[in-house]
């Protein structure tokens, strides 16, 4: 039993080192990239869309260097959503959790591509909300607040179940 424990130490140390590398890369590269994207792409576009939109009750207010509050009216009620770029906390948490499960790169690529798709839909929702209907803001808020975290964290049990099933084919059941 002790020999098995000592055999796994290099594997655990390797995964811990990879986790540390991911955390350092996230704080040194991803966060500044997300901040740059927000400051130079999303904020100017959103401000332009809101200024040129027909609804004068919609407003933007900076929250931080990589997020903002968007306030809009829907059915005579003021609503507020918080926008921040995808591939944030829940992406990092899911990525770090996946490191303990598997080191197969396609799961990480899938998770990152999902966040890019979510970001595209969120930005499209912001545009649709400013140009057409507040429903676009609702869709963007749903993705930011619910869908992205659930899908990110849902990857963990999904990969665990898939891995533990041994990739069984439906014909062999």
N, C-alpha and C. Protein backbone atom coordinates (compact mmCIF):
# COMPACT_ATOMS: atom_id res chain seq x y z
N UNK A 1 0.82 -1.19 0.00
CA UNK A 1 0.00 0.00 0.00
C UNK A 1 0.87 1.26 0.00
N UNK A 2 1.91 1.31 0.84
CA UNK A 2 2.78 2.47 0.88
C UNK A 2 3.56 2.65 -0.41
N UNK A 3 3.92 1.53 -1.03
CA UNK A 3 4.66 1.61 -2.29
C UNK A 3 3.78 2.27 -3.36
N UNK A 4 2.49 1.94 -3.41
CA UNK A 4 1.58 2.54 -4.37
C UNK A 4 1.45 4.05 -4.14
N UNK A 5 1.39 4.44 -2.88
CA UNK A 5 1.29 5.85 -2.55
C UNK A 5 2.53 6.61 -3.03
N UNK A 6 3.71 6.05 -2.82
CA UNK A 6 4.94 6.71 -3.24
C UNK A 6 5.09 6.72 -4.76
N UNK A 7 4.52 5.73 -5.43
CA UNK A 7 4.59 5.69 -6.89
C UNK A 7 3.80 6.84 -7.49
N UNK A 8 2.71 7.25 -6.87
CA UNK A 8 1.84 8.28 -7.42
C UNK A 8 2.31 9.70 -7.10
N UNK A 9 3.28 9.84 -6.23
CA UNK A 9 3.72 11.18 -5.88
C UNK A 9 4.23 11.96 -7.09
N UNK A 10 5.05 11.43 -7.95
CA UNK A 10 5.48 12.22 -9.10
C UNK A 10 4.30 12.64 -10.00
N UNK A 11 3.31 11.76 -10.14
CA UNK A 11 2.14 12.09 -10.95
C UNK A 11 1.35 13.24 -10.31
N UNK A 12 1.17 13.20 -9.00
CA UNK A 12 0.46 14.25 -8.29
C UNK A 12 1.26 15.55 -8.33
N UNK A 13 2.55 15.45 -8.15
CA UNK A 13 3.41 16.64 -8.20
C UNK A 13 3.36 17.26 -9.60
N UNK A 14 3.35 16.43 -10.61
CA UNK A 14 3.27 16.91 -11.99
C UNK A 14 1.95 17.66 -12.23
N UNK A 15 0.85 17.11 -11.71
CA UNK A 15 -0.45 17.77 -11.87
C UNK A 15 -0.51 19.07 -11.07
N UNK A 16 0.06 19.05 -9.88
CA UNK A 16 0.09 20.27 -9.06
C UNK A 16 0.92 21.35 -9.73
N UNK A 17 2.03 20.97 -10.33
CA UNK A 17 2.87 21.93 -11.05
C UNK A 17 2.12 22.50 -12.26
N UNK A 18 1.39 21.65 -12.95
CA UNK A 18 0.60 22.12 -14.09
C UNK A 18 -0.50 23.08 -13.63
N UNK A 19 -1.12 22.77 -12.50
CA UNK A 19 -2.13 23.68 -11.95
C UNK A 19 -1.51 25.04 -11.62
N UNK A 20 -0.35 25.02 -11.01
CA UNK A 20 0.34 26.27 -10.68
C UNK A 20 0.68 27.05 -11.95
N UNK A 21 1.13 26.35 -12.97
CA UNK A 21 1.44 26.98 -14.26
C UNK A 21 0.19 27.61 -14.87
N UNK A 22 -0.94 26.92 -14.81
CA UNK A 22 -2.20 27.46 -15.35
C UNK A 22 -2.61 28.71 -14.58
N UNK A 23 -2.49 28.68 -13.26
CA UNK A 23 -2.85 29.85 -12.45
C UNK A 23 -1.96 31.04 -12.79
N UNK A 24 -0.67 30.81 -12.88
CA UNK A 24 0.26 31.89 -13.22
C UNK A 24 -0.03 32.42 -14.62
N UNK A 25 -0.25 31.52 -15.58
CA UNK A 25 -0.56 31.96 -16.95
C UNK A 25 -1.88 32.73 -16.99
N UNK A 26 -2.84 32.30 -16.21
CA UNK A 26 -4.13 33.00 -16.17
C UNK A 26 -3.95 34.43 -15.69
N UNK A 27 -3.21 34.61 -14.59
CA UNK A 27 -3.05 35.94 -14.03
C UNK A 27 -2.10 36.82 -14.84
N UNK A 28 -1.12 36.21 -15.49
CA UNK A 28 -0.17 37.00 -16.27
C UNK A 28 -0.59 37.24 -17.71
N UNK A 29 -1.42 36.34 -18.27
CA UNK A 29 -1.79 36.48 -19.68
C UNK A 29 -3.30 36.64 -19.90
N UNK A 30 -4.10 35.75 -19.32
CA UNK A 30 -5.54 35.77 -19.60
C UNK A 30 -6.22 37.02 -19.04
N UNK A 31 -5.94 37.35 -17.80
CA UNK A 31 -6.59 38.52 -17.20
C UNK A 31 -6.24 39.81 -17.96
N UNK A 32 -4.95 40.05 -18.27
CA UNK A 32 -4.66 41.25 -19.06
C UNK A 32 -5.28 41.21 -20.46
N UNK A 33 -5.34 40.03 -21.07
CA UNK A 33 -5.97 39.92 -22.39
C UNK A 33 -7.47 40.21 -22.30
N UNK A 34 -8.13 39.70 -21.26
CA UNK A 34 -9.55 39.97 -21.07
C UNK A 34 -9.79 41.46 -20.81
N UNK A 35 -8.90 42.07 -20.04
CA UNK A 35 -9.02 43.51 -19.76
C UNK A 35 -8.82 44.33 -21.03
N UNK A 36 -7.83 43.98 -21.82
CA UNK A 36 -7.58 44.68 -23.08
C UNK A 36 -8.78 44.52 -24.02
N UNK A 37 -9.30 43.31 -24.14
CA UNK A 37 -10.47 43.04 -24.99
C UNK A 37 -11.65 43.88 -24.53
N UNK A 38 -11.88 43.93 -23.23
CA UNK A 38 -13.01 44.70 -22.70
C UNK A 38 -12.82 46.19 -22.98
N UNK A 39 -11.63 46.70 -22.68
CA UNK A 39 -11.37 48.13 -22.80
C UNK A 39 -11.35 48.62 -24.24
N UNK A 40 -10.80 47.82 -25.15
CA UNK A 40 -10.62 48.28 -26.52
C UNK A 40 -11.64 47.73 -27.52
N UNK A 41 -12.43 46.76 -27.13
CA UNK A 41 -13.39 46.19 -28.08
C UNK A 41 -14.82 46.30 -27.56
N UNK A 42 -15.12 45.69 -26.45
CA UNK A 42 -16.52 45.60 -26.01
C UNK A 42 -17.04 46.93 -25.48
N UNK A 43 -16.29 47.57 -24.59
CA UNK A 43 -16.78 48.83 -24.02
C UNK A 43 -17.06 49.89 -25.09
N UNK A 44 -16.14 50.16 -26.03
CA UNK A 44 -16.45 51.16 -27.05
C UNK A 44 -17.65 50.76 -27.93
N UNK A 45 -17.73 49.47 -28.28
CA UNK A 45 -18.87 49.03 -29.10
C UNK A 45 -20.17 49.16 -28.33
N UNK A 46 -20.19 48.69 -27.10
CA UNK A 46 -21.41 48.76 -26.30
C UNK A 46 -21.83 50.22 -26.09
N UNK A 47 -20.88 51.08 -25.80
CA UNK A 47 -21.20 52.50 -25.61
C UNK A 47 -21.78 53.10 -26.89
N UNK A 48 -21.20 52.76 -28.02
CA UNK A 48 -21.72 53.25 -29.31
C UNK A 48 -23.13 52.71 -29.56
N UNK A 49 -23.32 51.42 -29.32
CA UNK A 49 -24.64 50.83 -29.55
C UNK A 49 -25.70 51.46 -28.65
N UNK A 50 -25.34 51.70 -27.40
CA UNK A 50 -26.29 52.29 -26.45
C UNK A 50 -26.59 53.74 -26.84
N UNK A 51 -25.55 54.50 -27.21
CA UNK A 51 -25.74 55.90 -27.60
C UNK A 51 -26.58 56.04 -28.85
N UNK A 52 -26.41 55.12 -29.80
CA UNK A 52 -27.15 55.22 -31.06
C UNK A 52 -28.49 54.48 -31.03
N UNK A 53 -28.80 53.83 -29.92
CA UNK A 53 -30.07 53.10 -29.80
C UNK A 53 -31.24 54.04 -29.56
N UNK A 54 -32.43 53.52 -29.80
CA UNK A 54 -33.64 54.31 -29.66
C UNK A 54 -34.06 54.48 -28.20
N UNK A 55 -33.72 53.53 -27.37
CA UNK A 55 -34.14 53.56 -25.97
C UNK A 55 -33.19 54.44 -25.15
N UNK A 56 -33.71 55.54 -24.64
CA UNK A 56 -32.86 56.46 -23.88
C UNK A 56 -32.70 56.05 -22.43
N UNK A 57 -33.46 55.05 -21.97
CA UNK A 57 -33.34 54.63 -20.56
C UNK A 57 -32.22 53.62 -20.35
N UNK A 58 -31.58 53.15 -21.41
CA UNK A 58 -30.49 52.20 -21.30
C UNK A 58 -29.19 52.96 -21.04
N UNK A 59 -28.43 52.48 -20.05
CA UNK A 59 -27.19 53.18 -19.72
C UNK A 59 -26.09 52.18 -19.35
N UNK A 60 -24.86 52.63 -19.51
CA UNK A 60 -23.68 51.86 -19.14
C UNK A 60 -22.95 52.58 -18.03
N UNK A 61 -22.41 51.80 -17.10
CA UNK A 61 -21.60 52.37 -16.03
C UNK A 61 -20.44 51.43 -15.77
N UNK A 62 -19.21 51.91 -15.81
CA UNK A 62 -18.07 51.03 -15.56
C UNK A 62 -18.12 50.44 -14.15
N UNK A 63 -17.81 49.16 -14.04
CA UNK A 63 -17.72 48.51 -12.73
C UNK A 63 -16.26 48.34 -12.34
N UNK A 64 -15.48 47.84 -13.29
CA UNK A 64 -14.05 47.66 -13.07
C UNK A 64 -13.36 47.80 -14.42
N UNK A 65 -12.08 47.47 -14.47
CA UNK A 65 -11.36 47.59 -15.73
C UNK A 65 -11.77 46.52 -16.74
N UNK A 66 -12.52 45.50 -16.29
CA UNK A 66 -12.94 44.47 -17.23
C UNK A 66 -14.42 44.09 -17.09
N UNK A 67 -15.23 45.02 -16.59
CA UNK A 67 -16.66 44.75 -16.51
C UNK A 67 -17.43 46.07 -16.43
N UNK A 68 -18.72 45.99 -16.71
CA UNK A 68 -19.57 47.17 -16.59
C UNK A 68 -20.98 46.77 -16.24
N UNK A 69 -21.71 47.73 -15.68
CA UNK A 69 -23.13 47.57 -15.40
C UNK A 69 -23.90 48.08 -16.60
N UNK A 70 -24.94 47.38 -16.98
CA UNK A 70 -25.83 47.81 -18.04
C UNK A 70 -27.22 47.87 -17.43
N UNK A 71 -27.82 49.03 -17.45
CA UNK A 71 -29.16 49.21 -16.89
C UNK A 71 -30.11 49.48 -18.05
N UNK A 72 -31.24 48.79 -18.04
CA UNK A 72 -32.24 48.95 -19.10
C UNK A 72 -33.63 48.78 -18.53
N UNK A 73 -34.62 49.22 -19.30
CA UNK A 73 -36.02 49.11 -18.89
C UNK A 73 -36.69 47.98 -19.65
N UNK A 74 -37.50 47.25 -18.93
CA UNK A 74 -38.31 46.20 -19.56
C UNK A 74 -39.60 46.10 -18.78
N UNK A 75 -40.73 46.30 -19.47
CA UNK A 75 -42.05 46.27 -18.84
C UNK A 75 -42.12 47.24 -17.66
N UNK A 76 -41.67 48.48 -17.89
CA UNK A 76 -41.72 49.54 -16.89
C UNK A 76 -40.87 49.26 -15.65
N UNK A 77 -39.95 48.29 -15.74
CA UNK A 77 -39.09 47.96 -14.60
C UNK A 77 -37.64 48.14 -15.03
N UNK A 78 -36.85 48.77 -14.15
CA UNK A 78 -35.43 48.92 -14.40
C UNK A 78 -34.72 47.62 -14.03
N UNK A 79 -33.89 47.12 -14.93
CA UNK A 79 -33.11 45.92 -14.68
C UNK A 79 -31.64 46.25 -14.89
N UNK A 80 -30.78 45.53 -14.17
CA UNK A 80 -29.35 45.77 -14.30
C UNK A 80 -28.63 44.43 -14.46
N UNK A 81 -27.73 44.39 -15.43
CA UNK A 81 -26.89 43.20 -15.62
C UNK A 81 -25.43 43.64 -15.51
N UNK A 82 -24.59 42.68 -15.22
CA UNK A 82 -23.15 42.94 -15.13
C UNK A 82 -22.49 42.16 -16.25
N UNK A 83 -21.78 42.87 -17.12
CA UNK A 83 -21.04 42.20 -18.20
C UNK A 83 -19.58 42.09 -17.78
N UNK A 84 -19.02 40.91 -18.00
CA UNK A 84 -17.57 40.73 -17.95
C UNK A 84 -17.22 39.66 -18.99
N UNK A 85 -16.05 39.75 -19.60
CA UNK A 85 -15.70 38.79 -20.65
C UNK A 85 -15.68 37.35 -20.13
N UNK A 86 -15.96 36.44 -21.02
CA UNK A 86 -15.95 35.01 -20.68
C UNK A 86 -14.51 34.55 -20.45
N UNK A 87 -14.36 33.28 -20.10
CA UNK A 87 -13.07 32.67 -19.74
C UNK A 87 -12.51 33.32 -18.49
N UNK A 88 -13.38 33.49 -17.51
CA UNK A 88 -13.01 34.07 -16.23
C UNK A 88 -12.91 33.02 -15.14
N UNK A 89 -13.53 33.32 -14.00
CA UNK A 89 -13.41 32.48 -12.82
C UNK A 89 -13.89 31.05 -13.06
N UNK A 90 -15.05 30.89 -13.68
CA UNK A 90 -15.59 29.53 -13.85
C UNK A 90 -14.77 28.73 -14.86
N UNK A 91 -14.22 29.38 -15.85
CA UNK A 91 -13.32 28.69 -16.78
C UNK A 91 -12.07 28.22 -16.04
N UNK A 92 -11.51 29.10 -15.20
CA UNK A 92 -10.32 28.74 -14.45
C UNK A 92 -10.62 27.60 -13.48
N UNK A 93 -11.72 27.68 -12.77
CA UNK A 93 -12.09 26.63 -11.82
C UNK A 93 -12.29 25.29 -12.53
N UNK A 94 -12.98 25.31 -13.66
CA UNK A 94 -13.19 24.07 -14.41
C UNK A 94 -11.88 23.52 -14.96
N UNK A 95 -11.02 24.39 -15.45
CA UNK A 95 -9.73 23.95 -15.99
C UNK A 95 -8.87 23.32 -14.90
N UNK A 96 -8.80 23.96 -13.74
CA UNK A 96 -8.02 23.41 -12.64
C UNK A 96 -8.59 22.08 -12.17
N UNK A 97 -9.90 21.96 -12.14
CA UNK A 97 -10.53 20.69 -11.73
C UNK A 97 -10.28 19.59 -12.75
N UNK A 98 -10.31 19.95 -14.04
CA UNK A 98 -10.07 18.95 -15.08
C UNK A 98 -8.64 18.42 -15.04
N UNK A 99 -7.71 19.22 -14.55
CA UNK A 99 -6.32 18.76 -14.47
C UNK A 99 -6.22 17.53 -13.57
N UNK A 100 -7.00 17.48 -12.50
CA UNK A 100 -6.97 16.31 -11.62
C UNK A 100 -7.62 15.09 -12.26
N UNK A 101 -8.51 15.30 -13.23
CA UNK A 101 -9.23 14.18 -13.84
C UNK A 101 -8.46 13.62 -15.03
N UNK A 102 -8.04 14.49 -15.92
CA UNK A 102 -7.38 14.03 -17.14
C UNK A 102 -6.46 15.12 -17.67
N UNK A 103 -5.49 14.71 -18.44
CA UNK A 103 -4.59 15.66 -19.09
C UNK A 103 -4.80 15.68 -20.60
N UNK A 104 -5.90 15.08 -21.07
CA UNK A 104 -6.20 15.08 -22.51
C UNK A 104 -6.59 16.50 -22.93
N UNK A 105 -5.88 17.02 -23.89
CA UNK A 105 -6.01 18.42 -24.27
C UNK A 105 -7.35 18.77 -24.90
N UNK A 106 -8.03 17.79 -25.51
CA UNK A 106 -9.26 18.14 -26.22
C UNK A 106 -10.37 18.61 -25.28
N UNK A 107 -10.37 18.20 -24.02
CA UNK A 107 -11.36 18.71 -23.07
C UNK A 107 -11.13 20.20 -22.78
N UNK A 108 -9.88 20.58 -22.65
CA UNK A 108 -9.54 21.97 -22.39
C UNK A 108 -9.86 22.85 -23.60
N UNK A 109 -9.56 22.34 -24.78
CA UNK A 109 -9.87 23.05 -26.01
C UNK A 109 -11.38 23.23 -26.15
N UNK A 110 -12.14 22.18 -25.88
CA UNK A 110 -13.60 22.24 -25.95
C UNK A 110 -14.14 23.29 -24.99
N UNK A 111 -13.64 23.31 -23.77
CA UNK A 111 -14.09 24.28 -22.78
C UNK A 111 -13.77 25.70 -23.22
N UNK A 112 -12.57 25.92 -23.74
CA UNK A 112 -12.19 27.26 -24.19
C UNK A 112 -13.02 27.71 -25.39
N UNK A 113 -13.26 26.81 -26.34
CA UNK A 113 -14.07 27.15 -27.51
C UNK A 113 -15.50 27.47 -27.09
N UNK A 114 -16.03 26.73 -26.12
CA UNK A 114 -17.37 27.05 -25.60
C UNK A 114 -17.42 28.47 -25.04
N UNK A 115 -16.39 28.84 -24.32
CA UNK A 115 -16.37 30.20 -23.77
C UNK A 115 -16.26 31.25 -24.87
N UNK A 116 -15.54 30.96 -25.92
CA UNK A 116 -15.48 31.89 -27.06
C UNK A 116 -16.84 32.02 -27.72
N UNK A 117 -17.55 30.91 -27.88
CA UNK A 117 -18.89 30.94 -28.46
C UNK A 117 -19.83 31.72 -27.56
N UNK A 118 -19.77 31.46 -26.25
CA UNK A 118 -20.60 32.20 -25.30
C UNK A 118 -20.33 33.70 -25.40
N UNK A 119 -19.06 34.07 -25.51
CA UNK A 119 -18.71 35.49 -25.62
C UNK A 119 -19.31 36.10 -26.88
N UNK A 120 -19.24 35.37 -27.98
CA UNK A 120 -19.85 35.87 -29.22
C UNK A 120 -21.35 36.07 -29.09
N UNK A 121 -22.03 35.14 -28.46
CA UNK A 121 -23.48 35.25 -28.27
C UNK A 121 -23.81 36.38 -27.30
N UNK A 122 -23.01 36.56 -26.26
CA UNK A 122 -23.23 37.65 -25.31
C UNK A 122 -23.09 39.00 -26.00
N UNK A 123 -22.04 39.18 -26.78
CA UNK A 123 -21.84 40.44 -27.49
C UNK A 123 -22.97 40.67 -28.50
N UNK A 124 -23.39 39.60 -29.18
CA UNK A 124 -24.54 39.72 -30.10
C UNK A 124 -25.81 40.09 -29.33
N UNK A 125 -25.96 39.54 -28.13
CA UNK A 125 -27.11 39.89 -27.29
C UNK A 125 -27.08 41.34 -26.86
N UNK A 126 -25.90 41.85 -26.53
CA UNK A 126 -25.78 43.27 -26.18
C UNK A 126 -26.16 44.15 -27.37
N UNK A 127 -25.68 43.77 -28.55
CA UNK A 127 -26.04 44.53 -29.75
C UNK A 127 -27.55 44.46 -30.00
N UNK A 128 -28.13 43.27 -29.93
CA UNK A 128 -29.56 43.11 -30.18
C UNK A 128 -30.38 43.87 -29.14
N UNK A 129 -29.91 43.86 -27.89
CA UNK A 129 -30.62 44.60 -26.85
C UNK A 129 -30.60 46.09 -27.09
N UNK A 130 -29.49 46.61 -27.58
CA UNK A 130 -29.38 48.04 -27.85
C UNK A 130 -30.11 48.43 -29.13
N UNK A 131 -30.06 47.56 -30.13
CA UNK A 131 -30.63 47.90 -31.43
C UNK A 131 -32.11 47.55 -31.57
N UNK A 132 -32.54 46.46 -30.96
CA UNK A 132 -33.88 45.96 -31.25
C UNK A 132 -34.77 45.83 -30.01
N UNK A 133 -34.38 44.95 -29.14
CA UNK A 133 -35.26 44.56 -28.05
C UNK A 133 -34.46 44.25 -26.79
N UNK A 134 -35.00 44.55 -25.62
CA UNK A 134 -34.32 44.21 -24.37
C UNK A 134 -34.13 42.71 -24.18
N UNK A 135 -34.80 41.92 -25.00
CA UNK A 135 -34.63 40.47 -24.91
C UNK A 135 -33.17 40.08 -25.16
N UNK A 136 -32.46 40.83 -25.99
CA UNK A 136 -31.04 40.58 -26.21
C UNK A 136 -30.23 40.71 -24.93
N UNK A 137 -30.58 41.70 -24.10
CA UNK A 137 -29.91 41.86 -22.81
C UNK A 137 -30.20 40.69 -21.88
N UNK A 138 -31.43 40.19 -21.94
CA UNK A 138 -31.82 39.06 -21.10
C UNK A 138 -31.03 37.81 -21.51
N UNK A 139 -30.89 37.58 -22.80
CA UNK A 139 -30.11 36.43 -23.29
C UNK A 139 -28.66 36.56 -22.84
N UNK A 140 -28.08 37.75 -22.99
CA UNK A 140 -26.69 37.97 -22.57
C UNK A 140 -26.54 37.72 -21.07
N UNK A 141 -27.48 38.22 -20.28
CA UNK A 141 -27.42 38.02 -18.83
C UNK A 141 -27.57 36.55 -18.46
N UNK A 142 -28.44 35.83 -19.15
CA UNK A 142 -28.64 34.41 -18.89
C UNK A 142 -27.34 33.63 -19.13
N UNK A 143 -26.67 33.94 -20.22
CA UNK A 143 -25.41 33.24 -20.53
C UNK A 143 -24.34 33.58 -19.51
N UNK A 144 -24.20 34.87 -19.18
CA UNK A 144 -23.17 35.29 -18.23
C UNK A 144 -23.44 34.72 -16.84
N UNK A 145 -24.68 34.79 -16.39
CA UNK A 145 -25.00 34.43 -15.01
C UNK A 145 -25.23 32.94 -14.79
N UNK A 146 -25.79 32.25 -15.78
CA UNK A 146 -26.22 30.87 -15.55
C UNK A 146 -25.56 29.85 -16.48
N UNK A 147 -25.70 30.04 -17.78
CA UNK A 147 -25.29 29.02 -18.73
C UNK A 147 -23.78 28.76 -18.69
N UNK A 148 -23.00 29.82 -18.74
CA UNK A 148 -21.55 29.65 -18.75
C UNK A 148 -21.03 28.96 -17.48
N UNK A 149 -21.46 29.38 -16.29
CA UNK A 149 -20.99 28.66 -15.09
C UNK A 149 -21.46 27.20 -15.04
N UNK A 150 -22.71 26.96 -15.42
CA UNK A 150 -23.23 25.58 -15.36
C UNK A 150 -22.51 24.68 -16.35
N UNK A 151 -22.30 25.14 -17.56
CA UNK A 151 -21.60 24.34 -18.57
C UNK A 151 -20.15 24.12 -18.15
N UNK A 152 -19.50 25.17 -17.65
CA UNK A 152 -18.10 25.04 -17.23
C UNK A 152 -17.95 24.02 -16.11
N UNK A 153 -18.74 24.19 -15.07
CA UNK A 153 -18.64 23.26 -13.95
C UNK A 153 -19.25 21.90 -14.28
N UNK A 154 -20.17 21.86 -15.22
CA UNK A 154 -20.75 20.59 -15.65
C UNK A 154 -19.79 19.73 -16.45
N UNK A 155 -18.75 20.35 -16.99
CA UNK A 155 -17.73 19.59 -17.71
C UNK A 155 -17.05 18.59 -16.78
N UNK A 156 -16.91 18.93 -15.52
CA UNK A 156 -16.17 18.09 -14.57
C UNK A 156 -16.86 16.74 -14.38
N UNK A 157 -18.14 16.70 -13.96
CA UNK A 157 -18.78 15.38 -13.82
C UNK A 157 -18.98 14.67 -15.15
N UNK A 158 -19.17 15.44 -16.22
CA UNK A 158 -19.34 14.82 -17.53
C UNK A 158 -18.08 14.08 -17.95
N UNK A 159 -16.93 14.71 -17.79
CA UNK A 159 -15.66 14.06 -18.13
C UNK A 159 -15.41 12.87 -17.20
N UNK A 160 -15.73 13.03 -15.93
CA UNK A 160 -15.58 11.90 -14.99
C UNK A 160 -16.44 10.71 -15.40
N UNK A 161 -17.70 10.97 -15.73
CA UNK A 161 -18.59 9.88 -16.15
C UNK A 161 -18.11 9.25 -17.45
N UNK A 162 -17.71 10.08 -18.40
CA UNK A 162 -17.24 9.58 -19.69
C UNK A 162 -15.99 8.73 -19.52
N UNK A 163 -15.09 9.21 -18.68
CA UNK A 163 -13.84 8.48 -18.44
C UNK A 163 -14.10 7.16 -17.73
N UNK A 164 -14.99 7.15 -16.75
CA UNK A 164 -15.27 5.95 -15.99
C UNK A 164 -16.08 4.91 -16.76
N UNK A 165 -16.79 5.33 -17.78
CA UNK A 165 -17.54 4.40 -18.63
C UNK A 165 -16.61 3.64 -19.57
N UNK A 166 -15.42 4.09 -19.72
CA UNK A 166 -14.46 3.40 -20.59
C UNK A 166 -14.79 3.56 -22.06
N UNK A 167 -15.49 4.65 -22.42
CA UNK A 167 -15.85 4.93 -23.82
C UNK A 167 -16.64 3.78 -24.42
N UNK A 168 -17.62 3.26 -23.67
CA UNK A 168 -18.42 2.14 -24.16
C UNK A 168 -19.27 2.55 -25.36
N UNK A 169 -19.37 1.66 -26.27
CA UNK A 169 -20.21 1.86 -27.43
C UNK A 169 -21.62 1.42 -27.08
N UNK A 170 -22.63 2.09 -27.61
CA UNK A 170 -24.03 1.79 -27.31
C UNK A 170 -24.39 0.36 -27.77
N UNK A 171 -23.73 -0.15 -28.80
CA UNK A 171 -24.04 -1.49 -29.30
C UNK A 171 -23.56 -2.58 -28.35
N UNK A 172 -22.63 -2.28 -27.48
CA UNK A 172 -22.09 -3.27 -26.56
C UNK A 172 -22.83 -3.32 -25.23
N UNK A 173 -23.84 -2.47 -25.04
CA UNK A 173 -24.56 -2.44 -23.76
C UNK A 173 -25.54 -3.53 -23.62
